[in-house]
């Protein structure tokens, strides 16, 4: 159609996701989103939705993108739960080390912002965080851990994973992050051997 500017939806959503990831929901304005996506405010509203809707789409996009990688990493949990957890953390450490991505984690940032989010967005952020626990619990159960140990390690590993993102944003180096991961892997290894 002549005169109508075309844009790539995936590119616009990735740009919005990166903006929210970099500055967080509360500190991202529509003007920031306009600059990031290259779309004017009315185009954002008509094509991507209001700020809450756009944020939810970005959070879902982020969750799906990294969820697929986490699922692949945990796929060997039945035969080697320690190697699976190492691969799980490697997904996070590779994301953290990527200079083309913002520091931290969009889910961790969103969880920390729950007090200032609308109830719908807050519930969505809680579900995104909960998916990580569910994924880990299923992997640990497949790896032969008792229900109690699978639950405990799932909660612990999810907390460690989110703390890696927070620590990286606060300036922790890769050696420090690997040390944190090592403690968790050692604990899981001892539990698996017991």
N, C-alpha and C. Protein backbone atom coordinates (compact mmCIF):
# COMPACT_ATOMS: atom_id res chain seq x y z
N UNK A 1 0.86 -1.17 0.00
CA UNK A 1 0.00 0.00 0.00
C UNK A 1 0.90 1.23 0.00
N UNK A 2 0.70 2.13 -0.92
CA UNK A 2 1.52 3.32 -1.06
C UNK A 2 1.32 4.25 0.13
N UNK A 3 2.41 4.84 0.57
CA UNK A 3 2.35 5.81 1.64
C UNK A 3 2.32 5.22 3.04
N UNK A 4 2.13 3.93 3.16
CA UNK A 4 2.08 3.30 4.47
C UNK A 4 3.43 2.65 4.76
N UNK A 5 4.05 3.08 5.84
CA UNK A 5 5.37 2.57 6.19
C UNK A 5 5.25 1.13 6.68
N UNK A 6 6.04 0.26 6.12
CA UNK A 6 6.06 -1.14 6.53
C UNK A 6 7.20 -1.35 7.53
N UNK A 7 7.00 -2.28 8.43
CA UNK A 7 8.05 -2.61 9.38
C UNK A 7 7.99 -4.09 9.67
N UNK A 8 9.09 -4.61 10.14
CA UNK A 8 9.18 -6.02 10.49
C UNK A 8 8.78 -6.18 11.95
N UNK A 9 7.71 -6.94 12.19
CA UNK A 9 7.18 -7.12 13.54
C UNK A 9 8.22 -7.74 14.48
N UNK A 10 8.94 -8.77 14.02
CA UNK A 10 9.94 -9.42 14.87
C UNK A 10 11.05 -8.45 15.27
N UNK A 11 11.49 -7.63 14.33
CA UNK A 11 12.53 -6.65 14.62
C UNK A 11 12.03 -5.64 15.65
N UNK A 12 10.79 -5.18 15.46
CA UNK A 12 10.22 -4.20 16.40
C UNK A 12 10.06 -4.81 17.79
N UNK A 13 9.58 -6.05 17.87
CA UNK A 13 9.42 -6.70 19.17
C UNK A 13 10.77 -6.94 19.84
N UNK A 14 11.77 -7.33 19.06
CA UNK A 14 13.12 -7.52 19.64
C UNK A 14 13.67 -6.20 20.17
N UNK A 15 13.45 -5.12 19.43
CA UNK A 15 13.93 -3.81 19.87
C UNK A 15 13.22 -3.37 21.15
N UNK A 16 11.91 -3.59 21.22
CA UNK A 16 11.15 -3.25 22.43
C UNK A 16 11.60 -4.12 23.59
N UNK A 17 11.79 -5.42 23.34
CA UNK A 17 12.24 -6.33 24.39
C UNK A 17 13.59 -5.87 24.96
N UNK A 18 14.50 -5.51 24.07
CA UNK A 18 15.82 -5.05 24.51
C UNK A 18 15.70 -3.77 25.33
N UNK A 19 14.81 -2.87 24.94
CA UNK A 19 14.60 -1.63 25.68
C UNK A 19 14.08 -1.93 27.09
N UNK A 20 13.07 -2.78 27.19
CA UNK A 20 12.55 -3.16 28.51
C UNK A 20 13.62 -3.87 29.33
N UNK A 21 14.40 -4.72 28.68
CA UNK A 21 15.45 -5.49 29.34
C UNK A 21 16.52 -4.55 29.89
N UNK A 22 16.88 -3.56 29.10
CA UNK A 22 17.93 -2.63 29.50
C UNK A 22 17.49 -1.72 30.65
N UNK A 23 16.28 -1.16 30.53
CA UNK A 23 15.86 -0.13 31.49
C UNK A 23 14.76 -0.56 32.46
N UNK A 24 14.17 -1.73 32.22
CA UNK A 24 13.08 -2.17 33.07
C UNK A 24 11.76 -1.55 32.64
N UNK A 25 10.69 -2.16 33.11
CA UNK A 25 9.36 -1.71 32.71
C UNK A 25 9.08 -0.27 33.15
N UNK A 26 9.30 0.01 34.42
CA UNK A 26 8.94 1.32 34.97
C UNK A 26 9.74 2.46 34.34
N UNK A 27 10.99 2.21 34.01
CA UNK A 27 11.86 3.26 33.47
C UNK A 27 11.85 3.33 31.95
N UNK A 28 11.01 2.57 31.32
CA UNK A 28 10.88 2.63 29.86
C UNK A 28 9.61 3.40 29.51
N UNK A 29 9.79 4.50 28.81
CA UNK A 29 8.65 5.33 28.39
C UNK A 29 8.24 4.98 26.96
N UNK A 30 7.10 5.46 26.56
CA UNK A 30 6.68 5.27 25.16
C UNK A 30 7.65 5.95 24.21
N UNK A 31 8.23 7.08 24.63
CA UNK A 31 9.23 7.73 23.79
C UNK A 31 10.46 6.83 23.63
N UNK A 32 10.87 6.15 24.71
CA UNK A 32 11.99 5.20 24.62
C UNK A 32 11.65 4.08 23.64
N UNK A 33 10.44 3.57 23.74
CA UNK A 33 10.01 2.49 22.85
C UNK A 33 9.94 2.97 21.40
N UNK A 34 9.52 4.20 21.21
CA UNK A 34 9.46 4.77 19.88
C UNK A 34 10.86 4.88 19.28
N UNK A 35 11.80 5.37 20.07
CA UNK A 35 13.19 5.46 19.60
C UNK A 35 13.76 4.07 19.31
N UNK A 36 13.50 3.12 20.18
CA UNK A 36 14.06 1.78 20.03
C UNK A 36 13.50 1.06 18.80
N UNK A 37 12.20 1.19 18.57
CA UNK A 37 11.55 0.46 17.48
C UNK A 37 11.56 1.22 16.16
N UNK A 38 11.73 2.55 16.25
CA UNK A 38 11.63 3.37 15.04
C UNK A 38 10.19 3.66 14.65
N UNK A 39 9.25 3.33 15.53
CA UNK A 39 7.84 3.56 15.26
C UNK A 39 7.33 4.75 16.07
N UNK A 40 6.40 5.50 15.50
CA UNK A 40 5.82 6.58 16.30
C UNK A 40 4.83 5.99 17.29
N UNK A 41 4.39 6.83 18.21
CA UNK A 41 3.51 6.33 19.30
C UNK A 41 2.23 5.69 18.77
N UNK A 42 1.62 6.31 17.78
CA UNK A 42 0.36 5.75 17.27
C UNK A 42 0.60 4.41 16.59
N UNK A 43 1.74 4.23 15.93
CA UNK A 43 2.06 2.95 15.32
C UNK A 43 2.33 1.89 16.38
N UNK A 44 2.96 2.30 17.47
CA UNK A 44 3.18 1.35 18.57
C UNK A 44 1.83 0.86 19.08
N UNK A 45 0.94 1.80 19.38
CA UNK A 45 -0.38 1.42 19.90
C UNK A 45 -1.15 0.55 18.91
N UNK A 46 -1.16 0.94 17.64
CA UNK A 46 -1.99 0.21 16.67
C UNK A 46 -1.38 -1.14 16.29
N UNK A 47 -0.05 -1.24 16.30
CA UNK A 47 0.60 -2.48 15.85
C UNK A 47 1.06 -3.39 16.99
N UNK A 48 1.46 -2.78 18.10
CA UNK A 48 2.07 -3.57 19.18
C UNK A 48 1.26 -3.54 20.47
N UNK A 49 0.35 -2.59 20.59
CA UNK A 49 -0.48 -2.50 21.78
C UNK A 49 0.00 -1.41 22.73
N UNK A 50 -0.74 -1.27 23.84
CA UNK A 50 -0.32 -0.29 24.85
C UNK A 50 0.93 -0.82 25.56
N UNK A 51 1.47 -0.05 26.47
CA UNK A 51 2.73 -0.42 27.12
C UNK A 51 2.64 -1.76 27.82
N UNK A 52 1.55 -2.00 28.56
CA UNK A 52 1.40 -3.28 29.25
C UNK A 52 1.34 -4.44 28.25
N UNK A 53 0.55 -4.28 27.22
CA UNK A 53 0.41 -5.34 26.21
C UNK A 53 1.74 -5.61 25.53
N UNK A 54 2.45 -4.55 25.17
CA UNK A 54 3.74 -4.71 24.52
C UNK A 54 4.74 -5.38 25.46
N UNK A 55 4.74 -4.98 26.72
CA UNK A 55 5.65 -5.59 27.68
C UNK A 55 5.35 -7.09 27.82
N UNK A 56 4.08 -7.45 27.90
CA UNK A 56 3.71 -8.87 28.02
C UNK A 56 4.17 -9.65 26.79
N UNK A 57 4.02 -9.06 25.63
CA UNK A 57 4.50 -9.72 24.41
C UNK A 57 6.01 -9.91 24.45
N UNK A 58 6.71 -8.89 24.94
CA UNK A 58 8.17 -8.97 25.03
C UNK A 58 8.60 -10.01 26.08
N UNK A 59 7.91 -10.04 27.20
CA UNK A 59 8.22 -11.01 28.25
C UNK A 59 7.98 -12.43 27.74
N UNK A 60 6.88 -12.63 27.01
CA UNK A 60 6.60 -13.95 26.43
C UNK A 60 7.66 -14.32 25.40
N UNK A 61 8.09 -13.36 24.63
CA UNK A 61 9.12 -13.60 23.61
C UNK A 61 10.42 -14.02 24.27
N UNK A 62 10.80 -13.29 25.31
CA UNK A 62 12.03 -13.59 26.06
C UNK A 62 11.93 -14.98 26.70
N UNK A 63 10.79 -15.25 27.33
CA UNK A 63 10.58 -16.52 28.01
C UNK A 63 10.65 -17.68 27.02
N UNK A 64 10.06 -17.52 25.86
CA UNK A 64 10.09 -18.58 24.85
C UNK A 64 11.49 -18.77 24.30
N UNK A 65 12.17 -17.69 24.00
CA UNK A 65 13.51 -17.77 23.41
C UNK A 65 14.47 -18.50 24.33
N UNK A 66 14.50 -18.10 25.58
CA UNK A 66 15.44 -18.74 26.50
C UNK A 66 14.88 -20.04 27.05
N UNK A 67 13.56 -20.17 27.10
CA UNK A 67 12.96 -21.43 27.53
C UNK A 67 13.35 -22.58 26.62
N UNK A 68 13.36 -22.34 25.33
CA UNK A 68 13.78 -23.38 24.38
C UNK A 68 15.22 -23.79 24.63
N UNK A 69 16.06 -22.82 24.92
CA UNK A 69 17.47 -23.13 25.18
C UNK A 69 17.62 -23.88 26.50
N UNK A 70 16.86 -23.48 27.52
CA UNK A 70 16.91 -24.20 28.79
C UNK A 70 16.40 -25.63 28.64
N UNK A 71 15.33 -25.80 27.89
CA UNK A 71 14.80 -27.15 27.66
C UNK A 71 15.83 -28.04 26.98
N UNK A 72 16.50 -27.50 25.97
CA UNK A 72 17.54 -28.28 25.28
C UNK A 72 18.67 -28.63 26.24
N UNK A 73 19.05 -27.68 27.08
CA UNK A 73 20.14 -27.92 28.03
C UNK A 73 19.77 -29.02 29.02
N UNK A 74 18.52 -29.03 29.45
CA UNK A 74 18.08 -29.99 30.46
C UNK A 74 17.67 -31.34 29.87
N UNK A 75 17.75 -31.49 28.58
CA UNK A 75 17.27 -32.71 27.92
C UNK A 75 18.02 -33.96 28.34
N UNK A 76 19.23 -33.82 28.87
CA UNK A 76 20.01 -34.99 29.30
C UNK A 76 19.85 -35.28 30.79
N UNK A 77 18.89 -34.65 31.43
CA UNK A 77 18.74 -34.78 32.88
C UNK A 77 18.48 -36.21 33.34
N UNK A 78 17.78 -37.01 32.55
CA UNK A 78 17.48 -38.38 32.95
C UNK A 78 18.75 -39.20 33.11
N UNK A 79 19.74 -38.96 32.26
CA UNK A 79 20.98 -39.73 32.34
C UNK A 79 22.06 -39.04 33.17
N UNK A 80 22.03 -37.71 33.24
CA UNK A 80 23.08 -37.00 33.98
C UNK A 80 22.55 -35.64 34.45
N UNK A 81 21.87 -35.62 35.61
CA UNK A 81 21.27 -34.36 36.07
C UNK A 81 22.30 -33.26 36.35
N UNK A 82 23.51 -33.63 36.75
CA UNK A 82 24.53 -32.62 37.02
C UNK A 82 24.96 -31.95 35.71
N UNK A 83 25.20 -32.75 34.68
CA UNK A 83 25.56 -32.18 33.37
C UNK A 83 24.42 -31.33 32.82
N UNK A 84 23.20 -31.76 33.05
CA UNK A 84 22.04 -30.99 32.58
C UNK A 84 21.99 -29.63 33.27
N UNK A 85 22.21 -29.63 34.59
CA UNK A 85 22.18 -28.35 35.31
C UNK A 85 23.34 -27.46 34.88
N UNK A 86 24.50 -28.05 34.63
CA UNK A 86 25.65 -27.27 34.13
C UNK A 86 25.28 -26.62 32.80
N UNK A 87 24.65 -27.40 31.91
CA UNK A 87 24.25 -26.86 30.60
C UNK A 87 23.19 -25.77 30.77
N UNK A 88 22.29 -25.96 31.73
CA UNK A 88 21.27 -24.95 32.03
C UNK A 88 21.94 -23.63 32.42
N UNK A 89 22.88 -23.69 33.34
CA UNK A 89 23.58 -22.47 33.75
C UNK A 89 24.42 -21.90 32.61
N UNK A 90 24.95 -22.76 31.75
CA UNK A 90 25.73 -22.27 30.60
C UNK A 90 24.88 -21.37 29.70
N UNK A 91 23.59 -21.69 29.56
CA UNK A 91 22.70 -20.84 28.75
C UNK A 91 22.70 -19.43 29.35
N UNK A 92 22.56 -19.34 30.66
CA UNK A 92 22.53 -18.04 31.33
C UNK A 92 23.89 -17.35 31.22
N UNK A 93 24.96 -18.08 31.46
CA UNK A 93 26.29 -17.47 31.42
C UNK A 93 26.65 -16.99 30.02
N UNK A 94 26.23 -17.73 28.99
CA UNK A 94 26.48 -17.29 27.61
C UNK A 94 25.68 -16.02 27.30
N UNK A 95 24.44 -15.96 27.79
CA UNK A 95 23.63 -14.75 27.59
C UNK A 95 24.29 -13.57 28.27
N UNK A 96 24.74 -13.77 29.50
CA UNK A 96 25.38 -12.71 30.26
C UNK A 96 26.65 -12.22 29.56
N UNK A 97 27.40 -13.15 28.98
CA UNK A 97 28.67 -12.80 28.34
C UNK A 97 28.50 -12.15 26.97
N UNK A 98 27.31 -12.23 26.40
CA UNK A 98 27.07 -11.69 25.06
C UNK A 98 27.06 -10.16 25.11
N UNK A 99 28.06 -9.51 24.48
CA UNK A 99 28.12 -8.04 24.54
C UNK A 99 26.99 -7.36 23.78
N UNK A 100 26.29 -8.10 22.93
CA UNK A 100 25.20 -7.52 22.16
C UNK A 100 23.88 -7.48 22.91
N UNK A 101 23.87 -8.05 24.13
CA UNK A 101 22.64 -8.08 24.92
C UNK A 101 22.80 -7.25 26.19
N UNK A 102 21.71 -6.74 26.72
CA UNK A 102 21.79 -6.00 27.98
C UNK A 102 22.22 -6.93 29.12
N UNK A 103 22.77 -6.37 30.16
CA UNK A 103 23.11 -7.16 31.35
C UNK A 103 21.84 -7.64 32.02
N UNK A 104 21.99 -8.68 32.80
CA UNK A 104 20.88 -9.14 33.62
C UNK A 104 19.92 -10.02 32.86
N UNK A 105 18.69 -10.04 33.34
CA UNK A 105 17.64 -10.93 32.83
C UNK A 105 16.31 -10.19 32.90
N UNK A 106 15.56 -10.23 31.82
CA UNK A 106 14.27 -9.54 31.79
C UNK A 106 13.31 -10.12 32.83
N UNK A 107 13.36 -11.42 33.05
CA UNK A 107 12.47 -12.03 34.04
C UNK A 107 12.87 -11.60 35.45
N UNK A 108 14.17 -11.61 35.74
CA UNK A 108 14.63 -11.18 37.08
C UNK A 108 14.25 -9.72 37.33
N UNK A 109 14.48 -8.88 36.34
CA UNK A 109 14.10 -7.46 36.48
C UNK A 109 12.61 -7.30 36.71
N UNK A 110 11.84 -8.07 35.97
CA UNK A 110 10.39 -7.98 36.10
C UNK A 110 9.93 -8.45 37.47
N UNK A 111 10.53 -9.53 37.95
CA UNK A 111 10.17 -10.04 39.28
C UNK A 111 10.50 -9.01 40.36
N UNK A 112 11.63 -8.32 40.23
CA UNK A 112 12.00 -7.31 41.22
C UNK A 112 11.08 -6.09 41.15
N UNK A 113 10.46 -5.88 40.00
CA UNK A 113 9.59 -4.71 39.82
C UNK A 113 8.13 -5.01 40.14
N UNK A 114 7.81 -6.22 40.56
CA UNK A 114 6.41 -6.60 40.79
C UNK A 114 5.64 -5.58 41.63
N UNK A 115 6.22 -4.99 42.67
CA UNK A 115 5.43 -4.02 43.46
C UNK A 115 4.92 -2.82 42.66
N UNK A 116 5.58 -2.46 41.56
CA UNK A 116 5.14 -1.29 40.79
C UNK A 116 4.43 -1.67 39.49
N UNK A 117 4.28 -2.96 39.23
CA UNK A 117 3.62 -3.41 38.01
C UNK A 117 2.12 -3.49 38.22
N UNK A 118 1.38 -3.39 37.14
CA UNK A 118 -0.06 -3.61 37.23
C UNK A 118 -0.28 -5.06 37.64
N UNK A 119 -1.42 -5.37 38.26
CA UNK A 119 -1.66 -6.75 38.70
C UNK A 119 -1.52 -7.78 37.57
N UNK A 120 -1.99 -7.47 36.38
CA UNK A 120 -1.90 -8.39 35.25
C UNK A 120 -0.44 -8.64 34.86
N UNK A 121 0.34 -7.57 34.76
CA UNK A 121 1.74 -7.70 34.38
C UNK A 121 2.52 -8.40 35.49
N UNK A 122 2.22 -8.08 36.74
CA UNK A 122 2.90 -8.73 37.87
C UNK A 122 2.63 -10.24 37.87
N UNK A 123 1.38 -10.62 37.63
CA UNK A 123 1.04 -12.05 37.58
C UNK A 123 1.76 -12.75 36.44
N UNK A 124 1.89 -12.06 35.33
CA UNK A 124 2.59 -12.62 34.17
C UNK A 124 4.08 -12.82 34.50
N UNK A 125 4.68 -11.86 35.17
CA UNK A 125 6.09 -11.97 35.56
C UNK A 125 6.28 -13.13 36.54
N UNK A 126 5.35 -13.28 37.47
CA UNK A 126 5.42 -14.41 38.41
C UNK A 126 5.33 -15.74 37.68
N UNK A 127 4.45 -15.83 36.70
CA UNK A 127 4.32 -17.07 35.92
C UNK A 127 5.61 -17.37 35.15
N UNK A 128 6.21 -16.34 34.58
CA UNK A 128 7.46 -16.54 33.83
C UNK A 128 8.55 -17.09 34.74
N UNK A 129 8.64 -16.56 35.94
CA UNK A 129 9.61 -17.05 36.89
C UNK A 129 9.26 -18.48 37.33
N UNK A 130 7.99 -18.74 37.52
CA UNK A 130 7.54 -20.07 37.92
C UNK A 130 7.82 -21.14 36.88
N UNK A 131 7.81 -20.76 35.59
CA UNK A 131 8.12 -21.72 34.54
C UNK A 131 9.52 -22.29 34.71
N UNK A 132 10.43 -21.47 35.18
CA UNK A 132 11.79 -21.95 35.36
C UNK A 132 11.84 -23.03 36.44
N UNK A 133 11.11 -22.83 37.53
CA UNK A 133 11.05 -23.84 38.59
C UNK A 133 10.41 -25.13 38.08
N UNK A 134 9.34 -25.01 37.32
CA UNK A 134 8.67 -26.19 36.78
C UNK A 134 9.61 -26.98 35.86
N UNK A 135 10.31 -26.27 35.01
CA UNK A 135 11.25 -26.90 34.07
C UNK A 135 12.34 -27.65 34.84
N UNK A 136 12.89 -27.01 35.85
CA UNK A 136 13.96 -27.62 36.64
C UNK A 136 13.44 -28.80 37.46
N UNK A 137 12.28 -28.65 38.07
CA UNK A 137 11.71 -29.73 38.87
C UNK A 137 11.51 -30.97 38.01
N UNK A 138 10.96 -30.81 36.83
CA UNK A 138 10.74 -31.95 35.93
C UNK A 138 12.06 -32.60 35.55
N UNK A 139 13.08 -31.80 35.30
CA UNK A 139 14.39 -32.35 34.94
C UNK A 139 14.98 -33.14 36.10
N UNK A 140 14.89 -32.61 37.31
CA UNK A 140 15.47 -33.29 38.46
C UNK A 140 14.70 -34.58 38.78
N UNK A 141 13.40 -34.57 38.59
CA UNK A 141 12.62 -35.79 38.81
C UNK A 141 13.01 -36.83 37.76
N UNK A 142 13.20 -36.40 36.51
CA UNK A 142 13.64 -37.32 35.46
C UNK A 142 15.01 -37.88 35.78
N UNK A 143 15.82 -37.10 36.49
CA UNK A 143 17.16 -37.53 36.87
C UNK A 143 17.20 -38.42 38.10
N UNK A 144 16.03 -38.77 38.63
CA UNK A 144 15.98 -39.71 39.73
C UNK A 144 15.96 -39.11 41.12
N UNK A 145 15.87 -37.80 41.23
CA UNK A 145 15.79 -37.20 42.56
C UNK A 145 14.41 -37.46 43.16
N UNK A 146 14.36 -37.54 44.47
CA UNK A 146 13.07 -37.68 45.14
C UNK A 146 12.26 -36.41 44.88
N UNK A 147 10.96 -36.51 45.12
CA UNK A 147 10.11 -35.34 44.93
C UNK A 147 10.61 -34.17 45.78
N UNK A 148 10.97 -34.46 47.01
CA UNK A 148 11.43 -33.41 47.92
C UNK A 148 12.74 -32.77 47.42
N UNK A 149 13.71 -33.62 47.03
CA UNK A 149 14.98 -33.08 46.52
C UNK A 149 14.79 -32.36 45.20
N UNK A 150 13.93 -32.89 44.33
CA UNK A 150 13.68 -32.23 43.04
C UNK A 150 13.10 -30.84 43.27
N UNK A 151 12.16 -30.73 44.21
CA UNK A 151 11.56 -29.43 44.52
C UNK A 151 12.60 -28.48 45.10
N UNK A 152 13.38 -28.96 46.07
CA UNK A 152 14.39 -28.10 46.72
C UNK A 152 15.43 -27.62 45.72
N UNK A 153 15.94 -28.53 44.89
CA UNK A 153 16.95 -28.12 43.92
C UNK A 153 16.37 -27.25 42.82
N UNK A 154 15.12 -27.45 42.45
CA UNK A 154 14.49 -26.60 41.44
C UNK A 154 14.40 -25.16 41.94
N UNK A 155 13.93 -24.99 43.16
CA UNK A 155 13.82 -23.64 43.72
C UNK A 155 15.22 -23.03 43.88
N UNK A 156 16.15 -23.83 44.38
CA UNK A 156 17.51 -23.32 44.57
C UNK A 156 18.16 -22.94 43.23
N UNK A 157 18.07 -23.83 42.24
CA UNK A 157 18.71 -23.56 40.95
C UNK A 157 18.08 -22.35 40.26
N UNK A 158 16.75 -22.21 40.36
CA UNK A 158 16.09 -21.04 39.78
C UNK A 158 16.56 -19.77 40.47
N UNK A 159 16.71 -19.83 41.80
CA UNK A 159 17.19 -18.66 42.54
C UNK A 159 18.63 -18.32 42.16
N UNK A 160 19.46 -19.34 42.04
CA UNK A 160 20.85 -19.10 41.63
C UNK A 160 20.88 -18.51 40.23
N UNK A 161 20.06 -19.06 39.34
CA UNK A 161 20.04 -18.56 37.96
C UNK A 161 19.66 -17.09 37.91
N UNK A 162 18.66 -16.71 38.68
CA UNK A 162 18.26 -15.30 38.70
C UNK A 162 19.33 -14.44 39.37
N UNK A 163 20.00 -14.99 40.39
CA UNK A 163 21.04 -14.21 41.06
C UNK A 163 22.23 -13.98 40.14
N UNK A 164 22.50 -14.90 39.24
CA UNK A 164 23.59 -14.69 38.28
C UNK A 164 23.33 -13.45 37.44
N UNK A 165 22.08 -13.28 37.03
CA UNK A 165 21.71 -12.11 36.23
C UNK A 165 21.84 -10.84 37.05
N UNK A 166 21.40 -10.89 38.30
CA UNK A 166 21.49 -9.71 39.16
C UNK A 166 22.96 -9.39 39.45
N UNK A 167 23.74 -10.42 39.77
CA UNK A 167 25.16 -10.20 40.06
C UNK A 167 25.90 -9.64 38.86
N UNK A 168 25.58 -10.14 37.67
CA UNK A 168 26.26 -9.63 36.47
C UNK A 168 25.94 -8.17 36.25
N UNK A 169 24.70 -7.80 36.51
CA UNK A 169 24.30 -6.40 36.35
C UNK A 169 25.03 -5.52 37.36
N UNK A 170 25.35 -6.10 38.51
CA UNK A 170 26.06 -5.36 39.56
C UNK A 170 27.57 -5.39 39.37
N UNK A 171 28.04 -6.03 38.30
CA UNK A 171 29.46 -5.99 37.98
C UNK A 171 30.27 -7.22 38.32
N UNK A 172 29.65 -8.31 38.74
CA UNK A 172 30.40 -9.53 39.04
C UNK A 172 31.05 -10.04 37.75
N UNK A 173 32.27 -10.54 37.88
CA UNK A 173 32.95 -11.06 36.69
C UNK A 173 32.63 -12.55 36.49
N UNK A 174 33.06 -13.09 35.37
CA UNK A 174 32.72 -14.47 35.03
C UNK A 174 33.28 -15.46 36.04
N UNK A 175 34.42 -15.18 36.60
CA UNK A 175 35.01 -16.08 37.60
C UNK A 175 34.11 -16.18 38.83
N UNK A 176 33.59 -15.06 39.28
CA UNK A 176 32.69 -15.06 40.43
C UNK A 176 31.40 -15.81 40.12
N UNK A 177 30.87 -15.59 38.93
CA UNK A 177 29.63 -16.27 38.54
C UNK A 177 29.84 -17.78 38.45
N UNK A 178 30.97 -18.19 37.89
CA UNK A 178 31.28 -19.62 37.80
C UNK A 178 31.44 -20.25 39.17
N UNK A 179 31.99 -19.50 40.12
CA UNK A 179 32.13 -20.01 41.49
C UNK A 179 30.77 -20.27 42.11
N UNK A 180 29.81 -19.38 41.89
CA UNK A 180 28.46 -19.56 42.41
C UNK A 180 27.84 -20.82 41.79
N UNK A 181 27.98 -20.97 40.49
CA UNK A 181 27.46 -22.14 39.80
C UNK A 181 28.11 -23.41 40.34
N UNK A 182 29.41 -23.35 40.58
CA UNK A 182 30.14 -24.52 41.07
C UNK A 182 29.62 -25.05 42.38
N UNK A 183 29.26 -24.16 43.29
CA UNK A 183 28.72 -24.58 44.59
C UNK A 183 27.41 -25.35 44.39
N UNK A 184 26.56 -24.87 43.52
CA UNK A 184 25.28 -25.54 43.27
C UNK A 184 25.51 -26.89 42.59
N UNK A 185 26.41 -26.95 41.63
CA UNK A 185 26.69 -28.22 40.95
C UNK A 185 27.27 -29.24 41.92
N UNK A 186 28.15 -28.79 42.81
CA UNK A 186 28.73 -29.70 43.83
C UNK A 186 27.64 -30.25 44.75
N UNK A 187 26.73 -29.39 45.18
CA UNK A 187 25.65 -29.84 46.06
C UNK A 187 24.75 -30.86 45.34
N UNK A 188 24.43 -30.60 44.10
CA UNK A 188 23.60 -31.54 43.34
C UNK A 188 24.35 -32.86 43.14
N UNK A 189 25.62 -32.79 42.83
CA UNK A 189 26.43 -33.98 42.64
C UNK A 189 26.43 -34.85 43.90
N UNK A 190 26.57 -34.25 45.06
CA UNK A 190 26.55 -35.00 46.32
C UNK A 190 25.18 -35.64 46.55
N UNK A 191 24.13 -34.95 46.21
CA UNK A 191 22.77 -35.48 46.39
C UNK A 191 22.53 -36.66 45.45
N UNK A 192 22.98 -36.53 44.22
CA UNK A 192 22.79 -37.59 43.22
C UNK A 192 23.56 -38.84 43.64
N UNK A 193 24.75 -38.67 44.20
CA UNK A 193 25.58 -39.82 44.63
C UNK A 193 25.04 -40.48 45.89
N UNK A 194 24.29 -39.74 46.70
CA UNK A 194 23.84 -40.27 47.98
C UNK A 194 22.80 -41.37 47.84
